[in-house]
Amino acid sequence: MQKPVEEDLVLLAGQPADRREHLRAFAVLGMLFLAFAIVAPFASIQLPAVETSIPAVGTGILMTDLITSALLFAQFSIVRWRALLVLASGYCFTALIVVPHALTFPGAFGATSIIGGGVQTTPWLYVIWHAAMPLAVIAYTLLKDEPSESRLHQGSVAAAIITSVSLVVLLVVGIAWLMTVHHALLPTILLVQPVRLDFLGQAMFVSVIFLGVIAIVLLWIRRRSILDLWLMVMIAVLIMEIVLNGVLSIVRFSVGFYAGRIYSFLTGAIVLVVLLSETTMLYAQLARSIKMQRHEREGRNLTMDAVAASIAHEVNQPLAAIVANGSAAIRWLARTPPVPDEAMTALNNIISEGRRASNIVASIRTIFHKGATNKVPLDTSEVIREAIGLLQRELQTRRVSIQTELMEAPPRVLADKVQIQQVVLNLAANAIDAMSSVTDRARVLRVRSEMTGGDSLSITVEDSGPGIHPDDMDRVFEPFFTTKSSGMGMGLSICRSIIEIHGGQLSVLAGRPYGSMFRIALPTTGIGANGN
């Protein structure tokens, strides 16, 4: 047995039939066999003649078999299995052979046949029609498990389909011509008075049933896919139809005649329904796949936007400091006389801020590549003091006083120093910005660290600004959400991502009695400040 490749498994001919599919097929077959068993004893009972039933059923069979053939040709174009090409050609033949059968059927379109023929024309067309499908299924079964080299069609798919359809059309036209123009040469299989099958006719019908049994046995032995399973059901229904029309009742417009026409229609409809359901399922899977790809693409675009906004947001502070120190150095050197010491201090600050910008960029990269952080045991009080030191100029310019309540010897936290410092800087800078509109009270920035629980260290950054609107409390950490007219909405989102990477939490609370309070909770390592 050839192991199906991944592209084959998406098709009905390549998907293995599971237990649920077997139960579904056997349930359908069971119901049809039950209906057959109920109708069989009454097959010879005559019913009112409905002449239009013959062309109506013929049209239905023509359409269902043609659509089934088209779907199978489509599957062949994908996997190039010669077995599918043969099966599709078989369905194409059964669809087209219905046309001359209906046109030669006495009384279907008038008192006599439309295209000529004799008494034996229609029975012979019926036998050929019903023998074609078991033969096509047998050929399909024998071809489908061949080695890949011979199983696959190596030439042009379009040429193979066009050639197959052309040969089928020529074969049907040739059979129709032979059965009508030379109907006198046809051996007798149907006797008219009374209407019954001749010995040859009985042998022909038994032969067709025998072909159907062989097809079912081969499919059962070599069943591999859902298509194999439903082809067995289709052949079983075909056998039941032949028994109704060729064994239990030969007379037209009997119970067996009408029931046989229904079963004849079902032989084409069964596989068609399964193929259409498969097509619908594949379309749904394709739609979901496209939707997921679109979401992934949007997610990647959002990530790229987030990275760009993060870099712009985080690097903005050291760049502003570099510009301010550069301007200060120029002013010190432009004095008369120059003040080189102060200029040197400003230049050293520029170097320091440049390094900080570089560290920030590297730190942002680790946010989007989790697991790459440079975590070491940190003294959070020291990290906070360094961060506040970087904000001294901003605090003085904005006339904000700073109050700190930091632990003297806090337990160490395992963290990336640059990232934690950047979080504190962001929260403090946001607090300073929030207090810029305050004129009726002191602008106070409070930073506090304390232990909350046995193994969690808390850092709180609180301001005396107007606070955050209650409706925005749950949204402040969303990417690109901001309450600032010139903000990017990335700072707090990045801060929360950093803290979560470190196994902690970042939350926001309303300040007391005003302002807002951001709380960082980080797990401690159990190592004290002295390293023990």
Protein backbone atom coordinates (compact mmCIF):
# COMPACT_ATOMS: atom_id res chain seq x y z
CA MET A 1 0.00 0.00 0.00
CA GLN A 2 1.27 3.43 -0.91
CA LYS A 3 1.39 5.88 1.95
CA PRO A 4 -0.56 8.98 0.92
CA VAL A 5 1.34 12.20 0.85
CA GLU A 6 0.07 15.26 2.68
CA GLU A 7 -1.55 16.87 -0.38
CA ASP A 8 -3.52 13.64 -1.02
CA LEU A 9 -4.96 13.54 2.48
CA VAL A 10 -7.04 16.67 1.87
CA LEU A 11 -9.03 14.85 -0.85
CA LEU A 12 -11.77 12.28 -0.48
CA ALA A 13 -9.71 9.71 -2.39
CA GLY A 14 -6.83 10.08 0.06
CA GLN A 15 -8.55 10.55 3.41
CA PRO A 16 -8.75 7.33 5.46
CA ALA A 17 -12.26 6.36 6.53
CA ASP A 18 -12.57 6.44 10.31
CA ARG A 19 -15.09 4.61 12.46
CA ARG A 20 -17.60 7.45 12.26
CA GLU A 21 -17.49 7.42 8.45
CA HIS A 22 -18.00 3.64 8.42
CA LEU A 23 -21.02 3.97 10.70
CA ARG A 24 -22.47 6.71 8.50
CA ALA A 25 -22.03 4.65 5.33
CA PHE A 26 -23.46 1.49 6.87
CA ALA A 27 -26.42 3.48 8.24
CA VAL A 28 -27.23 4.83 4.76
CA LEU A 29 -26.81 1.38 3.22
CA GLY A 30 -28.95 -0.16 5.97
CA MET A 31 -31.81 2.27 5.37
CA LEU A 32 -31.72 1.72 1.61
CA PHE A 33 -31.62 -2.06 2.04
CA LEU A 34 -34.57 -1.86 4.46
CA ALA A 35 -36.53 0.13 1.87
CA PHE A 36 -35.52 -2.45 -0.76
CA ALA A 37 -36.72 -5.31 1.45
CA ILE A 38 -40.06 -3.57 1.99
CA VAL A 39 -40.60 -2.85 -1.72
CA ALA A 40 -39.30 -6.16 -3.13
CA PRO A 41 -42.41 -8.30 -2.37
CA PHE A 42 -44.59 -5.76 -4.21
CA ALA A 43 -42.23 -5.12 -7.14
CA SER A 44 -44.55 -6.60 -9.80
CA ILE A 45 -47.67 -4.65 -8.77
CA GLN A 46 -48.73 -2.26 -11.51
CA LEU A 47 -49.14 1.46 -10.78
CA PRO A 48 -50.54 4.30 -12.92
CA ALA A 49 -48.32 5.13 -15.87
CA VAL A 50 -46.31 8.34 -15.54
CA GLU A 51 -44.52 8.69 -18.85
CA THR A 52 -42.68 11.83 -17.78
CA SER A 53 -40.91 9.91 -15.02
CA ILE A 54 -38.50 8.40 -17.56
CA PRO A 55 -37.07 11.67 -18.97
CA ALA A 56 -37.23 13.29 -15.51
CA VAL A 57 -35.17 10.56 -13.87
CA GLY A 58 -32.85 10.42 -16.90
CA THR A 59 -32.22 14.16 -16.64
CA GLY A 60 -31.50 13.83 -12.93
CA ILE A 61 -29.03 10.99 -13.52
CA LEU A 62 -27.39 12.94 -16.35
CA MET A 63 -26.83 15.98 -14.13
CA THR A 64 -25.68 14.15 -10.99
CA ASP A 65 -23.27 11.88 -12.86
CA LEU A 66 -21.85 14.76 -14.90
CA ILE A 67 -21.24 16.84 -11.76
CA THR A 68 -19.69 13.82 -10.01
CA SER A 69 -17.49 13.26 -13.04
CA ALA A 70 -16.39 16.91 -13.05
CA LEU A 71 -15.48 16.77 -9.35
CA LEU A 72 -13.49 13.58 -9.85
CA PHE A 73 -11.69 15.10 -12.84
CA ALA A 74 -10.86 18.07 -10.58
CA GLN A 75 -9.37 15.73 -7.98
CA PHE A 76 -7.38 14.00 -10.71
CA SER A 77 -5.98 17.37 -11.76
CA ILE A 78 -4.63 17.81 -8.23
CA VAL A 79 -3.15 14.38 -7.41
CA ARG A 80 -2.74 12.99 -10.98
CA TRP A 81 -3.98 9.52 -10.00
CA ARG A 82 -4.82 7.51 -13.12
CA ALA A 83 -7.38 5.63 -11.01
CA LEU A 84 -9.36 8.83 -10.52
CA LEU A 85 -9.16 9.55 -14.24
CA VAL A 86 -10.72 6.15 -14.98
CA LEU A 87 -13.42 6.58 -12.34
CA ALA A 88 -14.28 10.08 -13.59
CA SER A 89 -14.50 8.73 -17.13
CA GLY A 90 -16.82 5.99 -15.89
CA TYR A 91 -19.18 8.54 -14.37
CA CYS A 92 -19.00 10.59 -17.57
CA PHE A 93 -19.97 7.50 -19.57
CA THR A 94 -22.93 6.61 -17.33
CA ALA A 95 -24.13 10.23 -17.56
CA LEU A 96 -24.02 10.34 -21.35
CA ILE A 97 -25.33 6.83 -22.03
CA VAL A 98 -28.53 7.82 -20.23
CA VAL A 99 -29.34 10.16 -23.12
CA PRO A 100 -29.73 7.51 -25.88
CA HIS A 101 -31.37 5.17 -23.35
CA ALA A 102 -34.07 7.75 -22.61
CA LEU A 103 -34.45 8.75 -26.27
CA THR A 104 -35.00 5.11 -27.32
CA PHE A 105 -37.31 4.26 -24.44
CA PRO A 106 -40.76 3.52 -25.89
CA GLY A 107 -43.32 6.07 -24.74
CA ALA A 108 -40.84 8.38 -23.00
CA PHE A 109 -41.15 11.11 -25.64
CA GLY A 110 -43.98 9.75 -27.72
CA ALA A 111 -45.37 6.54 -29.09
CA THR A 112 -42.09 5.51 -30.68
CA SER A 113 -38.38 6.05 -30.13
CA ILE A 114 -37.03 9.47 -31.13
CA ILE A 115 -33.72 8.26 -32.57
CA GLY A 116 -34.94 4.93 -33.86
CA GLY A 117 -33.92 1.47 -32.77
CA GLY A 118 -35.83 -1.68 -32.06
CA VAL A 119 -37.23 -3.67 -29.20
CA GLN A 120 -33.76 -4.79 -28.06
CA THR A 121 -32.14 -1.32 -28.22
CA THR A 122 -33.29 -0.01 -24.85
CA PRO A 123 -32.58 -3.23 -22.88
CA TRP A 124 -29.08 -3.46 -24.35
CA LEU A 125 -28.39 0.19 -23.53
CA TYR A 126 -29.61 -0.49 -19.99
CA VAL A 127 -27.21 -3.44 -19.62
CA ILE A 128 -24.25 -1.46 -21.01
CA TRP A 129 -25.13 1.51 -18.82
CA HIS A 130 -25.21 -0.58 -15.64
CA ALA A 131 -22.16 -2.66 -16.50
CA ALA A 132 -20.03 0.44 -17.09
CA MET A 133 -19.95 1.61 -13.49
CA PRO A 134 -18.83 -1.72 -11.90
CA LEU A 135 -16.15 -2.01 -14.59
CA ALA A 136 -14.96 1.54 -13.92
CA VAL A 137 -14.86 0.87 -10.16
CA ILE A 138 -12.94 -2.38 -10.68
CA ALA A 139 -10.40 -0.56 -12.85
CA TYR A 140 -10.16 2.22 -10.26
CA THR A 141 -9.58 -0.29 -7.47
CA LEU A 142 -6.84 -2.11 -9.36
CA LEU A 143 -5.06 1.12 -10.33
CA LYS A 144 -5.24 3.13 -7.10
CA ASP A 145 -2.67 1.08 -5.13
CA GLU A 146 -0.06 0.79 -7.85
CA PRO A 147 3.50 2.09 -7.21
CA SER A 148 3.82 5.84 -7.51
CA GLU A 149 5.71 5.63 -10.81
CA SER A 150 2.79 3.97 -12.61
CA ARG A 151 -0.03 5.31 -10.44
CA LEU A 152 0.57 8.94 -11.39
CA HIS A 153 -0.15 10.43 -14.79
CA GLN A 154 3.07 11.94 -16.10
CA GLY A 155 1.71 13.97 -18.99
CA SER A 156 -0.48 17.03 -19.28
CA VAL A 157 -3.50 16.92 -16.98
CA ALA A 158 -5.66 19.03 -19.31
CA ALA A 159 -4.76 16.82 -22.28
CA ALA A 160 -5.61 13.67 -20.29
CA ILE A 161 -9.02 15.02 -19.27
CA ILE A 162 -9.87 16.27 -22.77
CA THR A 163 -8.77 12.97 -24.29
CA SER A 164 -10.80 10.94 -21.79
CA VAL A 165 -13.96 12.97 -22.29
CA SER A 166 -13.54 12.85 -26.07
CA LEU A 167 -13.13 9.06 -26.03
CA VAL A 168 -16.18 8.68 -23.79
CA VAL A 169 -18.28 10.86 -26.10
CA LEU A 170 -17.13 8.90 -29.18
CA LEU A 171 -17.82 5.62 -27.38
CA VAL A 172 -21.35 6.69 -26.39
CA VAL A 173 -22.10 7.98 -29.90
CA GLY A 174 -20.74 4.78 -31.41
CA ILE A 175 -22.79 2.59 -29.08
CA ALA A 176 -25.93 4.65 -29.75
CA TRP A 177 -25.34 4.42 -33.52
CA LEU A 178 -24.79 0.67 -33.36
CA MET A 179 -27.85 0.09 -31.16
CA THR A 180 -30.18 2.16 -33.32
CA VAL A 181 -29.00 1.86 -36.92
CA HIS A 182 -28.03 -1.81 -36.61
CA HIS A 183 -30.54 -2.85 -34.00
CA ALA A 184 -31.49 -5.87 -36.11
CA LEU A 185 -28.09 -7.39 -35.35
CA LEU A 186 -28.64 -7.25 -31.60
CA PRO A 187 -29.17 -10.61 -29.86
CA THR A 188 -32.56 -10.96 -28.20
CA ILE A 189 -32.52 -10.41 -24.45
CA LEU A 190 -36.10 -9.18 -23.91
CA LEU A 191 -39.23 -11.02 -25.00
CA VAL A 192 -42.33 -8.88 -25.53
CA GLN A 193 -45.30 -11.26 -25.26
CA PRO A 194 -45.38 -11.66 -22.36
CA VAL A 195 -42.68 -9.23 -21.26
CA ARG A 196 -39.87 -11.26 -19.80
CA LEU A 197 -36.12 -11.72 -20.06
CA ASP A 198 -34.76 -14.30 -22.44
CA PHE A 199 -32.10 -16.70 -21.18
CA LEU A 200 -29.39 -14.43 -22.61
CA GLY A 201 -31.06 -11.46 -20.92
CA GLN A 202 -31.06 -13.24 -17.59
CA ALA A 203 -27.41 -14.14 -18.10
CA MET A 204 -26.58 -10.51 -18.91
CA PHE A 205 -28.33 -9.16 -15.81
CA VAL A 206 -26.68 -11.80 -13.62
CA SER A 207 -23.34 -10.88 -15.16
CA VAL A 208 -23.85 -7.21 -14.29
CA ILE A 209 -24.76 -8.18 -10.72
CA PHE A 210 -21.66 -10.40 -10.59
CA LEU A 211 -19.50 -7.47 -11.77
CA GLY A 212 -20.99 -5.38 -8.97
CA VAL A 213 -20.17 -8.08 -6.40
CA ILE A 214 -16.58 -8.28 -7.68
CA ALA A 215 -16.29 -4.49 -7.41
CA ILE A 216 -17.55 -4.52 -3.82
CA VAL A 217 -15.21 -7.38 -2.82
CA LEU A 218 -12.18 -5.67 -4.37
CA LEU A 219 -13.09 -2.37 -2.72
CA TRP A 220 -13.54 -4.09 0.63
CA ILE A 221 -10.18 -5.82 0.37
CA ARG A 222 -8.38 -2.70 -0.85
CA ARG A 223 -10.42 -0.05 0.89
CA ARG A 224 -8.19 2.81 1.94
CA SER A 225 -10.24 5.97 1.79
CA ILE A 226 -13.62 7.56 2.30
CA LEU A 227 -14.18 7.44 -1.46
CA ASP A 228 -13.63 3.65 -1.48
CA LEU A 229 -16.20 3.24 1.29
CA TRP A 230 -18.91 5.22 -0.46
CA LEU A 231 -18.21 3.57 -3.81
CA MET A 232 -19.08 0.28 -2.10
CA VAL A 233 -22.37 1.77 -0.96
CA MET A 234 -23.03 3.05 -4.49
CA ILE A 235 -22.38 -0.37 -6.10
CA ALA A 236 -24.60 -2.06 -3.51
CA VAL A 237 -27.43 0.34 -4.40
CA LEU A 238 -26.79 -0.33 -8.09
CA ILE A 239 -27.21 -4.08 -7.48
CA MET A 240 -30.48 -3.47 -5.64
CA GLU A 241 -31.73 -1.41 -8.59
CA ILE A 242 -30.86 -4.16 -11.08
CA VAL A 243 -32.67 -6.71 -8.93
CA LEU A 244 -35.75 -4.50 -8.82
CA ASN A 245 -35.77 -3.74 -12.56
CA GLY A 246 -34.28 -6.89 -14.04
CA VAL A 247 -35.18 -9.72 -11.70
CA LEU A 248 -38.27 -8.91 -9.66
CA SER A 249 -40.09 -6.84 -12.28
CA ILE A 250 -39.49 -6.28 -16.00
CA VAL A 251 -42.82 -4.62 -16.65
CA ARG A 252 -42.93 -0.84 -16.96
CA PHE A 253 -44.71 1.36 -14.40
CA SER A 254 -44.71 -1.28 -11.69
CA VAL A 255 -43.62 -0.74 -8.08
CA GLY A 256 -40.24 -2.24 -8.97
CA PHE A 257 -39.97 0.02 -12.04
CA TYR A 258 -40.47 3.23 -10.06
CA ALA A 259 -38.39 2.05 -7.11
CA GLY A 260 -35.61 1.04 -9.51
CA ARG A 261 -35.61 4.52 -11.06
CA ILE A 262 -35.22 6.05 -7.60
CA TYR A 263 -32.34 3.73 -6.78
CA SER A 264 -30.80 4.45 -10.19
CA PHE A 265 -30.80 8.16 -9.35
CA LEU A 266 -29.28 7.43 -5.93
CA THR A 267 -26.33 5.56 -7.46
CA GLY A 268 -25.08 8.85 -8.87
CA ALA A 269 -26.28 11.05 -6.04
CA ILE A 270 -24.55 9.15 -3.20
CA VAL A 271 -20.97 9.86 -4.27
CA LEU A 272 -21.97 13.35 -5.46
CA VAL A 273 -23.33 14.30 -2.04
CA VAL A 274 -20.16 13.04 -0.35
CA LEU A 275 -17.97 14.92 -2.84
CA LEU A 276 -19.99 18.12 -2.38
CA SER A 277 -19.79 17.82 1.41
CA GLU A 278 -16.04 17.33 1.07
CA THR A 279 -15.81 20.39 -1.19
CA THR A 280 -17.76 22.44 1.35
CA MET A 281 -15.51 21.21 4.15
CA LEU A 282 -12.36 22.01 2.18
CA TYR A 283 -13.72 25.45 1.33
CA ALA A 284 -14.43 26.07 5.01
CA GLN A 285 -10.91 24.92 5.91
CA LEU A 286 -9.47 27.16 3.22
CA ALA A 287 -11.52 30.11 4.47
CA ARG A 288 -10.33 29.48 8.04
CA SER A 289 -6.75 29.11 6.83
CA ILE A 290 -6.91 32.39 4.90
CA LYS A 291 -8.46 34.08 7.92
CA MET A 292 -5.72 32.75 10.19
CA GLN A 293 -3.03 33.83 7.74
CA ARG A 294 -4.58 37.29 7.60
CA HIS A 295 -4.63 37.47 11.40
CA GLU A 296 -1.01 36.28 11.54
CA ARG A 297 -0.04 38.88 8.95
CA GLU A 298 -1.86 41.57 10.89
CA GLY A 299 -0.20 40.30 14.07
CA ARG A 300 3.23 40.50 12.45
CA ASN A 301 2.48 44.01 11.22
CA LEU A 302 1.29 44.97 14.67
CA THR A 303 4.44 43.50 16.18
CA MET A 304 6.60 45.47 13.77
CA ASP A 305 4.63 48.61 14.60
CA ALA A 306 5.07 47.82 18.28
CA VAL A 307 8.83 47.34 17.88
CA ALA A 308 9.16 50.60 15.96
CA ALA A 309 7.00 52.49 18.45
CA SER A 310 8.86 50.89 21.37
CA ILE A 311 12.24 51.97 20.04
CA ALA A 312 10.97 55.48 19.33
CA HIS A 313 9.34 55.71 22.75
CA GLU A 314 12.22 54.34 24.81
CA VAL A 315 15.11 55.97 22.94
CA ASN A 316 13.40 59.36 23.00
CA GLN A 317 14.56 60.09 26.57
CA PRO A 318 18.30 59.44 26.10
CA LEU A 319 18.19 61.24 22.75
CA ALA A 320 16.62 64.28 24.41
CA ALA A 321 19.32 64.12 27.11
CA ILE A 322 22.02 63.87 24.42
CA VAL A 323 20.64 66.97 22.67
CA ALA A 324 20.39 68.89 25.96
CA ASN A 325 23.94 67.96 27.02
CA GLY A 326 25.28 68.75 23.56
CA SER A 327 23.68 72.20 23.72
CA ALA A 328 25.09 72.70 27.22
CA ALA A 329 28.61 71.71 26.08
CA ILE A 330 28.42 74.21 23.22
CA ARG A 331 27.32 76.97 25.61
CA TRP A 332 30.14 76.19 28.08
CA LEU A 333 32.72 76.24 25.30
CA ALA A 334 31.27 79.44 23.78
CA ARG A 335 31.72 81.39 26.98
CA THR A 336 34.50 83.87 27.42
CA PRO A 337 36.58 82.42 28.85
CA PRO A 338 35.42 78.82 28.05
CA VAL A 339 34.58 76.48 30.91
CA PRO A 340 36.15 73.18 29.76
CA ASP A 341 35.33 71.28 32.96
CA GLU A 342 31.59 71.85 32.58
CA ALA A 343 31.79 71.11 28.86
CA MET A 344 33.63 67.86 29.64
CA THR A 345 30.91 66.89 32.11
CA ALA A 346 28.24 67.49 29.45
CA LEU A 347 30.22 65.45 26.90
CA ASN A 348 30.60 62.61 29.39
CA ASN A 349 26.85 62.75 29.91
CA ILE A 350 26.39 62.47 26.14
CA ILE A 351 28.53 59.33 26.10
CA SER A 352 26.59 57.91 29.04
CA GLU A 353 23.22 58.63 27.41
CA GLY A 354 24.41 57.13 24.12
CA ARG A 355 25.33 53.92 25.90
CA ARG A 356 21.99 53.93 27.65
CA ALA A 357 20.21 54.28 24.30
CA SER A 358 22.20 51.31 22.98
CA ASN A 359 21.27 49.27 26.05
CA ILE A 360 17.62 50.23 25.63
CA VAL A 361 17.56 49.01 22.02
CA ALA A 362 19.16 45.71 23.05
CA SER A 363 16.70 45.44 25.93
CA ILE A 364 13.71 46.00 23.63
CA ARG A 365 14.91 43.19 21.37
CA THR A 366 14.86 40.79 24.30
CA ILE A 367 11.23 41.70 24.97
CA PHE A 368 10.29 40.28 21.57
CA HIS A 369 12.69 37.33 21.95
CA LYS A 370 11.65 35.88 25.26
CA GLY A 371 14.26 33.92 27.12
CA ALA A 372 17.12 36.15 25.87
CA THR A 373 17.16 38.51 28.87
CA ASN A 374 20.41 39.05 30.81
CA LYS A 375 19.04 38.27 34.26
CA VAL A 376 21.26 38.68 37.32
CA PRO A 377 20.48 39.12 41.05
CA LEU A 378 19.68 42.82 41.48
CA ASP A 379 19.42 45.26 44.37
CA THR A 380 16.19 47.02 43.38
CA SER A 381 16.85 49.99 45.66
CA GLU A 382 20.11 50.68 43.84
CA VAL A 383 18.40 50.35 40.45
CA ILE A 384 15.67 52.79 41.54
CA ARG A 385 18.19 55.36 42.81
CA GLU A 386 20.07 55.24 39.49
CA ALA A 387 16.83 55.72 37.59
CA ILE A 388 15.82 58.69 39.73
CA GLY A 389 19.28 60.17 39.25
CA LEU A 390 18.70 60.18 35.50
CA LEU A 391 15.51 62.20 36.04
CA GLN A 392 16.98 64.94 38.25
CA ARG A 393 17.06 67.53 35.48
CA GLU A 394 13.45 66.70 34.52
CA LEU A 395 12.32 66.88 38.15
CA GLN A 396 13.92 70.30 38.59
CA THR A 397 12.54 71.66 35.32
CA ARG A 398 8.99 70.51 36.12
CA ARG A 399 9.27 71.59 39.79
CA VAL A 400 8.44 68.09 41.06
CA SER A 401 9.67 66.98 44.49
CA ILE A 402 10.71 63.38 45.00
CA GLN A 403 9.96 61.28 48.06
CA THR A 404 11.56 57.83 48.33
CA GLU A 405 10.99 55.07 50.83
CA LEU A 406 13.36 52.35 49.70
CA MET A 407 14.40 49.24 51.57
CA GLU A 408 18.01 49.40 52.77
CA ALA A 409 18.83 45.75 52.15
CA PRO A 410 16.07 44.29 49.96
CA PRO A 411 16.14 40.66 48.91
CA ARG A 412 17.62 40.32 45.45
CA VAL A 413 15.42 39.82 42.38
CA LEU A 414 16.61 37.93 39.33
CA ALA A 415 16.17 40.50 36.57
CA ASP A 416 17.66 42.40 33.66
CA LYS A 417 18.95 45.63 35.14
CA VAL A 418 18.40 47.76 32.03
CA GLN A 419 14.83 46.55 31.62
CA ILE A 420 13.81 47.06 35.26
CA GLN A 421 15.46 50.48 35.28
CA GLN A 422 13.61 51.36 32.09
CA VAL A 423 10.28 50.36 33.68
CA VAL A 424 10.94 52.60 36.68
CA LEU A 425 12.01 55.43 34.37
CA ASN A 426 8.88 55.08 32.27
CA LEU A 427 6.54 55.05 35.27
CA ALA A 428 8.32 58.00 36.86
CA ALA A 429 8.39 59.99 33.59
CA ASN A 430 4.67 59.33 33.10
CA ALA A 431 4.02 60.52 36.66
CA ILE A 432 5.97 63.71 36.01
CA ASP A 433 4.01 64.33 32.79
CA ALA A 434 0.71 63.66 34.60
CA MET A 435 1.47 66.38 37.16
CA SER A 436 2.32 69.07 34.58
CA SER A 437 -1.25 70.46 34.76
CA VAL A 438 -1.37 70.53 38.58
CA THR A 439 -1.35 74.11 39.98
CA ASP A 440 -3.39 73.90 43.17
CA ARG A 441 -1.18 71.48 45.13
CA ALA A 442 2.37 70.28 45.37
CA ARG A 443 3.74 68.08 42.63
CA VAL A 444 5.07 65.07 44.46
CA LEU A 445 6.54 61.87 43.07
CA ARG A 446 6.64 59.04 45.59
CA VAL A 447 8.65 55.89 45.00
CA ARG A 448 8.48 53.14 47.58
CA SER A 449 9.72 49.56 47.85
CA GLU A 450 8.56 46.97 50.35
CA MET A 451 8.00 43.26 50.82
CA THR A 452 4.46 42.06 50.17
CA GLY A 453 4.25 38.47 51.20
CA GLY A 454 7.07 36.08 51.82
CA ASP A 455 8.71 36.10 48.40
CA SER A 456 7.38 39.15 46.52
CA LEU A 457 8.96 42.60 46.41
CA SER A 458 6.74 45.55 45.56
CA ILE A 459 7.84 48.82 43.92
CA THR A 460 5.25 51.59 43.91
CA VAL A 461 5.38 54.78 41.82
CA GLU A 462 2.74 57.32 42.87
CA ASP A 463 2.00 60.85 41.71
CA SER A 464 -0.22 63.72 42.84
CA GLY A 465 -1.67 64.40 39.40
CA PRO A 466 -5.32 64.31 38.27
CA GLY A 467 -5.34 60.53 38.13
CA ILE A 468 -6.64 58.11 35.48
CA HIS A 469 -10.30 58.08 34.51
CA PRO A 470 -12.04 54.93 35.85
CA ASP A 471 -13.12 53.96 32.30
CA ASP A 472 -9.47 53.92 31.21
CA MET A 473 -8.13 51.85 34.11
CA ASP A 474 -8.48 48.57 32.21
CA ARG A 475 -7.08 49.99 28.97
CA VAL A 476 -3.91 51.81 30.00
CA PHE A 477 -1.79 48.72 29.31
CA GLU A 478 -3.22 48.11 25.82
CA PRO A 479 -0.78 48.74 22.95
CA PHE A 480 -1.26 52.13 21.26
CA PHE A 481 -3.77 53.33 23.86
CA THR A 482 -2.78 56.71 25.30
CA THR A 483 -4.37 59.62 27.12
CA LYS A 484 -1.61 61.99 25.97
CA SER A 485 -2.12 64.12 22.89
CA SER A 486 1.43 63.34 21.69
CA GLY A 487 1.80 59.88 23.23
CA MET A 488 2.40 56.64 21.31
CA GLY A 489 0.60 54.37 23.75
CA MET A 490 3.46 51.87 23.97
CA GLY A 491 5.22 52.74 27.22
CA LEU A 492 2.93 50.99 29.70
CA SER A 493 2.40 48.05 27.36
CA ILE A 494 6.16 47.54 27.17
CA CYS A 495 6.50 47.94 30.94
CA ARG A 496 3.90 45.24 31.60
CA SER A 497 5.58 42.93 29.06
CA ILE A 498 8.94 43.40 30.77
CA ILE A 499 7.56 42.69 34.23
CA GLU A 500 5.63 39.64 33.02
CA ILE A 501 8.79 38.28 31.35
CA HIS A 502 10.38 38.50 34.81
CA GLY A 503 7.50 36.52 36.33
CA GLY A 504 5.95 39.56 38.01
CA GLN A 505 2.90 41.76 37.68
CA LEU A 506 2.29 45.44 36.92
CA SER A 507 -0.98 46.96 38.05
CA VAL A 508 -2.53 50.41 38.40
CA LEU A 509 -4.60 51.79 41.26
CA ALA A 510 -6.22 55.10 42.03
CA GLY A 511 -4.04 57.29 44.24
CA ARG A 512 -5.08 58.52 47.66
CA PRO A 513 -6.53 61.12 47.77
CA TYR A 514 -5.68 61.90 44.13
CA GLY A 515 -3.27 60.87 41.43
CA SER A 516 -2.51 57.34 40.33
CA MET A 517 -0.31 54.58 41.66
CA PHE A 518 1.52 51.92 39.63
CA ARG A 519 2.69 48.86 41.49
CA ILE A 520 5.36 46.43 40.34
CA ALA A 521 5.45 43.01 42.02
CA LEU A 522 8.58 40.93 41.42
CA PRO A 523 9.49 37.51 42.82
CA THR A 524 12.62 37.49 44.96
CA THR A 525 15.45 34.97 44.77
CA GLY A 526 15.84 34.48 48.52
CA ILE A 527 19.33 36.01 48.29
CA GLY A 528 19.91 38.94 50.62
CA ALA A 529 21.69 42.15 49.81
CA ASN A 530 24.90 40.76 51.27
CA GLY A 531 24.72 37.78 48.88
CA ASN A 532 23.53 35.27 51.52
